[in-house]
Structure formats: C-alpha cells, structure tokens
Amino acid sequence: MCLGIPGKIIEIEDSIGMKMAKIDFGGVIRSACIEAIPDAIVGDYTIIHAGFALNILSEEEAMETLSLLQEIADLNEELSVNEQDN
C-alpha cells in the first residue's frame, strides 16, 4: 500500500525544465515535482506521493489527514508495546 502525505509548499522553482517545489512536512523539507498542479502557489497544501504532487488541499483537509496519520502511528506504537508485553 502506498501513502500520499500532505505537505505545505514553501518555495517554487523551475528546475531542469520542470516545475518543482520545496515541501514542508512538519519541519522536514523535501523537493517534489508540481507539474500536475500548475496553479499551486507558495502556502498551498498538497498531497505528495513518490516525489510528485497529486492535488491541492485546503489547510483544514491537510490538518485532518495529518491528525489521522498521527492516530494510526499512535495505535501502531500501542499495539507494538502490547505485543512486547505478551
């Protein structure tokens, strides 16, 4: 299963003939291709999968998705701890 992660566009540039952006994933900055979302601007949130932006999200949608991902991570950690106790 593959997962797209929301991030915030903090910089846009043309690199080697492609529209690229620096994306902030809660303090971790990565580059991604944003050719598929030509209307994107700095400050937009987007879903990134395998280095490519898939769509633009509202800040509310991005925060909701990040919250759900955190819940999954917390549950996974809790299940791992319970397995070690058994």
N, C-alpha and C. Protein backbone atom coordinates (compact mmCIF):
# COMPACT_ATOMS: atom_id res chain seq x y z
N MET A 1 0.84 -1.17 0.00
CA MET A 1 0.00 0.00 0.00
C MET A 1 0.89 1.24 0.00
N CYS A 2 0.53 2.20 -0.81
CA CYS A 2 1.28 3.45 -0.88
C CYS A 2 0.48 4.54 -0.19
N LEU A 3 1.19 5.52 0.29
CA LEU A 3 0.55 6.57 1.08
C LEU A 3 0.99 7.93 0.57
N GLY A 4 0.03 8.81 0.31
CA GLY A 4 0.34 10.20 -0.03
C GLY A 4 0.29 11.02 1.25
N ILE A 5 1.28 11.87 1.45
CA ILE A 5 1.40 12.65 2.68
C ILE A 5 1.19 14.13 2.36
N PRO A 6 0.37 14.83 3.16
CA PRO A 6 0.20 16.26 2.93
C PRO A 6 1.42 17.06 3.39
N GLY A 7 1.75 18.07 2.62
CA GLY A 7 2.82 18.98 2.98
C GLY A 7 2.49 20.37 2.46
N LYS A 8 3.20 21.36 2.98
CA LYS A 8 2.96 22.76 2.62
C LYS A 8 4.05 23.24 1.67
N ILE A 9 3.65 23.84 0.56
CA ILE A 9 4.60 24.40 -0.40
C ILE A 9 5.23 25.65 0.20
N ILE A 10 6.56 25.64 0.29
CA ILE A 10 7.24 26.81 0.86
C ILE A 10 8.10 27.55 -0.17
N GLU A 11 8.31 26.93 -1.32
CA GLU A 11 9.11 27.57 -2.37
C GLU A 11 8.81 26.87 -3.68
N ILE A 12 8.73 27.65 -4.76
CA ILE A 12 8.51 27.09 -6.10
C ILE A 12 9.63 27.55 -7.00
N GLU A 13 10.11 26.63 -7.85
CA GLU A 13 11.19 26.96 -8.78
C GLU A 13 11.09 26.09 -10.02
N ASP A 14 11.66 26.58 -11.12
CA ASP A 14 11.80 25.76 -12.32
C ASP A 14 13.16 25.12 -12.27
N SER A 15 13.17 23.82 -12.36
CA SER A 15 14.43 23.08 -12.28
C SER A 15 14.47 22.08 -13.42
N ILE A 16 15.50 22.16 -14.20
CA ILE A 16 15.69 21.28 -15.37
C ILE A 16 14.42 21.14 -16.20
N GLY A 17 13.74 22.27 -16.42
CA GLY A 17 12.55 22.29 -17.26
C GLY A 17 11.29 21.76 -16.61
N MET A 18 11.33 21.52 -15.31
CA MET A 18 10.16 21.04 -14.58
C MET A 18 9.85 21.98 -13.43
N LYS A 19 8.56 22.15 -13.16
CA LYS A 19 8.13 22.98 -12.03
C LYS A 19 8.29 22.15 -10.75
N MET A 20 9.18 22.60 -9.88
CA MET A 20 9.48 21.89 -8.65
C MET A 20 9.14 22.79 -7.46
N ALA A 21 8.97 22.16 -6.30
CA ALA A 21 8.69 22.92 -5.09
C ALA A 21 9.39 22.29 -3.90
N LYS A 22 9.70 23.13 -2.94
CA LYS A 22 10.16 22.62 -1.65
C LYS A 22 8.90 22.49 -0.80
N ILE A 23 8.75 21.31 -0.20
CA ILE A 23 7.56 20.98 0.57
C ILE A 23 7.96 20.75 2.02
N ASP A 24 7.21 21.38 2.93
CA ASP A 24 7.46 21.24 4.37
C ASP A 24 6.50 20.20 4.94
N PHE A 25 7.07 19.12 5.43
CA PHE A 25 6.31 18.06 6.10
C PHE A 25 6.56 18.17 7.59
N GLY A 26 6.02 19.19 8.23
CA GLY A 26 6.20 19.36 9.67
C GLY A 26 7.64 19.54 10.10
N GLY A 27 8.40 20.29 9.32
CA GLY A 27 9.80 20.55 9.65
C GLY A 27 10.79 19.78 8.80
N VAL A 28 10.34 18.77 8.11
CA VAL A 28 11.18 18.02 7.17
C VAL A 28 10.89 18.58 5.79
N ILE A 29 11.93 19.09 5.12
CA ILE A 29 11.78 19.73 3.83
C ILE A 29 12.27 18.78 2.73
N ARG A 30 11.43 18.58 1.73
CA ARG A 30 11.77 17.74 0.58
C ARG A 30 11.34 18.44 -0.70
N SER A 31 11.98 18.09 -1.80
CA SER A 31 11.59 18.61 -3.11
C SER A 31 10.58 17.66 -3.75
N ALA A 32 9.67 18.25 -4.52
CA ALA A 32 8.68 17.45 -5.24
C ALA A 32 8.33 18.14 -6.55
N CYS A 33 7.97 17.35 -7.52
CA CYS A 33 7.52 17.87 -8.80
C CYS A 33 6.07 18.31 -8.67
N ILE A 34 5.76 19.53 -9.11
CA ILE A 34 4.38 20.03 -9.03
C ILE A 34 3.80 20.32 -10.42
N GLU A 35 4.33 19.67 -11.44
CA GLU A 35 3.83 19.85 -12.81
C GLU A 35 2.34 19.53 -12.91
N ALA A 36 1.85 18.58 -12.13
CA ALA A 36 0.44 18.16 -12.22
C ALA A 36 -0.51 19.16 -11.57
N ILE A 37 0.04 20.11 -10.82
CA ILE A 37 -0.81 21.13 -10.18
C ILE A 37 -0.26 22.52 -10.53
N PRO A 38 -0.41 22.93 -11.79
CA PRO A 38 0.22 24.18 -12.25
C PRO A 38 -0.27 25.44 -11.55
N ASP A 39 -1.45 25.40 -10.93
CA ASP A 39 -1.99 26.57 -10.25
C ASP A 39 -1.50 26.70 -8.81
N ALA A 40 -0.66 25.78 -8.37
CA ALA A 40 -0.17 25.80 -6.98
C ALA A 40 0.66 27.05 -6.72
N ILE A 41 0.50 27.57 -5.50
CA ILE A 41 1.28 28.74 -5.07
C ILE A 41 1.90 28.44 -3.71
N VAL A 42 2.89 29.23 -3.36
CA VAL A 42 3.51 29.11 -2.04
C VAL A 42 2.42 29.28 -0.99
N GLY A 43 2.42 28.38 -0.01
CA GLY A 43 1.41 28.41 1.05
C GLY A 43 0.33 27.36 0.87
N ASP A 44 0.19 26.84 -0.35
CA ASP A 44 -0.79 25.77 -0.59
C ASP A 44 -0.33 24.48 0.07
N TYR A 45 -1.29 23.65 0.43
CA TYR A 45 -1.01 22.30 0.90
C TYR A 45 -1.29 21.35 -0.26
N THR A 46 -0.49 20.30 -0.35
CA THR A 46 -0.64 19.33 -1.42
C THR A 46 -0.35 17.93 -0.90
N ILE A 47 -0.89 16.95 -1.59
CA ILE A 47 -0.58 15.55 -1.28
C ILE A 47 0.61 15.15 -2.14
N ILE A 48 1.64 14.61 -1.53
CA ILE A 48 2.84 14.17 -2.24
C ILE A 48 2.93 12.66 -2.17
N HIS A 49 3.15 12.05 -3.33
CA HIS A 49 3.38 10.61 -3.39
C HIS A 49 4.55 10.37 -4.33
N ALA A 50 5.56 9.67 -3.84
CA ALA A 50 6.73 9.30 -4.64
C ALA A 50 7.37 10.50 -5.31
N GLY A 51 7.37 11.65 -4.62
CA GLY A 51 8.04 12.84 -5.14
C GLY A 51 7.22 13.69 -6.09
N PHE A 52 5.92 13.36 -6.22
CA PHE A 52 5.05 14.11 -7.13
C PHE A 52 3.82 14.62 -6.39
N ALA A 53 3.49 15.89 -6.62
CA ALA A 53 2.28 16.46 -6.05
C ALA A 53 1.08 15.94 -6.84
N LEU A 54 0.06 15.49 -6.11
CA LEU A 54 -1.12 14.92 -6.77
C LEU A 54 -2.28 15.90 -6.87
N ASN A 55 -2.46 16.72 -5.84
CA ASN A 55 -3.54 17.70 -5.85
C ASN A 55 -3.30 18.74 -4.76
N ILE A 56 -4.12 19.77 -4.78
CA ILE A 56 -4.04 20.82 -3.77
C ILE A 56 -5.14 20.57 -2.74
N LEU A 57 -4.80 20.75 -1.46
CA LEU A 57 -5.74 20.58 -0.36
C LEU A 57 -5.95 21.90 0.36
N SER A 58 -7.07 22.01 1.03
CA SER A 58 -7.23 23.15 1.94
C SER A 58 -6.38 22.85 3.18
N GLU A 59 -6.07 23.88 3.94
CA GLU A 59 -5.31 23.67 5.18
C GLU A 59 -6.09 22.74 6.12
N GLU A 60 -7.41 22.90 6.16
CA GLU A 60 -8.25 22.06 7.03
C GLU A 60 -8.14 20.58 6.63
N GLU A 61 -8.21 20.29 5.33
CA GLU A 61 -8.08 18.91 4.85
C GLU A 61 -6.70 18.34 5.19
N ALA A 62 -5.68 19.15 5.01
CA ALA A 62 -4.32 18.70 5.31
C ALA A 62 -4.16 18.38 6.79
N MET A 63 -4.67 19.26 7.66
CA MET A 63 -4.54 19.04 9.10
C MET A 63 -5.33 17.81 9.54
N GLU A 64 -6.50 17.61 8.96
CA GLU A 64 -7.31 16.43 9.29
C GLU A 64 -6.58 15.15 8.89
N THR A 65 -5.99 15.15 7.70
CA THR A 65 -5.24 13.98 7.24
C THR A 65 -4.04 13.72 8.13
N LEU A 66 -3.30 14.77 8.47
CA LEU A 66 -2.14 14.59 9.35
C LEU A 66 -2.55 14.08 10.72
N SER A 67 -3.68 14.54 11.23
CA SER A 67 -4.18 14.07 12.51
C SER A 67 -4.51 12.58 12.44
N LEU A 68 -5.16 12.16 11.37
CA LEU A 68 -5.49 10.74 11.20
C LEU A 68 -4.23 9.88 11.08
N LEU A 69 -3.23 10.38 10.36
CA LEU A 69 -1.97 9.64 10.25
C LEU A 69 -1.29 9.52 11.60
N GLN A 70 -1.38 10.56 12.43
CA GLN A 70 -0.80 10.50 13.77
C GLN A 70 -1.54 9.49 14.62
N GLU A 71 -2.85 9.43 14.51
CA GLU A 71 -3.63 8.43 15.25
C GLU A 71 -3.21 7.02 14.86
N ILE A 72 -3.00 6.79 13.57
CA ILE A 72 -2.55 5.48 13.10
C ILE A 72 -1.18 5.15 13.69
N ALA A 73 -0.27 6.12 13.68
CA ALA A 73 1.07 5.90 14.23
C ALA A 73 0.99 5.59 15.72
N ASP A 74 0.14 6.33 16.45
CA ASP A 74 -0.02 6.10 17.88
C ASP A 74 -0.59 4.71 18.16
N LEU A 75 -1.57 4.30 17.37
CA LEU A 75 -2.17 2.98 17.54
C LEU A 75 -1.15 1.89 17.24
N ASN A 76 -0.38 2.08 16.19
CA ASN A 76 0.66 1.11 15.83
C ASN A 76 1.68 0.97 16.96
N GLU A 77 2.07 2.10 17.55
CA GLU A 77 3.02 2.07 18.67
C GLU A 77 2.41 1.34 19.87
N GLU A 78 1.15 1.63 20.16
CA GLU A 78 0.46 0.98 21.28
C GLU A 78 0.37 -0.53 21.05
N LEU A 79 0.05 -0.94 19.83
CA LEU A 79 -0.03 -2.37 19.53
C LEU A 79 1.33 -3.03 19.64
N SER A 80 2.38 -2.35 19.23
CA SER A 80 3.74 -2.90 19.33
C SER A 80 4.14 -3.09 20.79
N VAL A 81 3.81 -2.13 21.64
CA VAL A 81 4.12 -2.22 23.07
C VAL A 81 3.36 -3.40 23.68
N ASN A 82 2.08 -3.54 23.33
CA ASN A 82 1.28 -4.65 23.87
C ASN A 82 1.82 -6.00 23.43
N GLU A 83 2.32 -6.11 22.20
CA GLU A 83 2.90 -7.36 21.71
C GLU A 83 4.16 -7.70 22.50
N GLN A 84 4.95 -6.70 22.85
CA GLN A 84 6.18 -6.94 23.62
C GLN A 84 5.87 -7.38 25.05
N ASP A 85 4.74 -6.93 25.58
CA ASP A 85 4.34 -7.31 26.95
C ASP A 85 3.89 -8.76 27.03
N ASN A 86 3.44 -9.32 25.91
CA ASN A 86 2.93 -10.70 25.91
C ASN A 86 4.01 -11.68 25.72
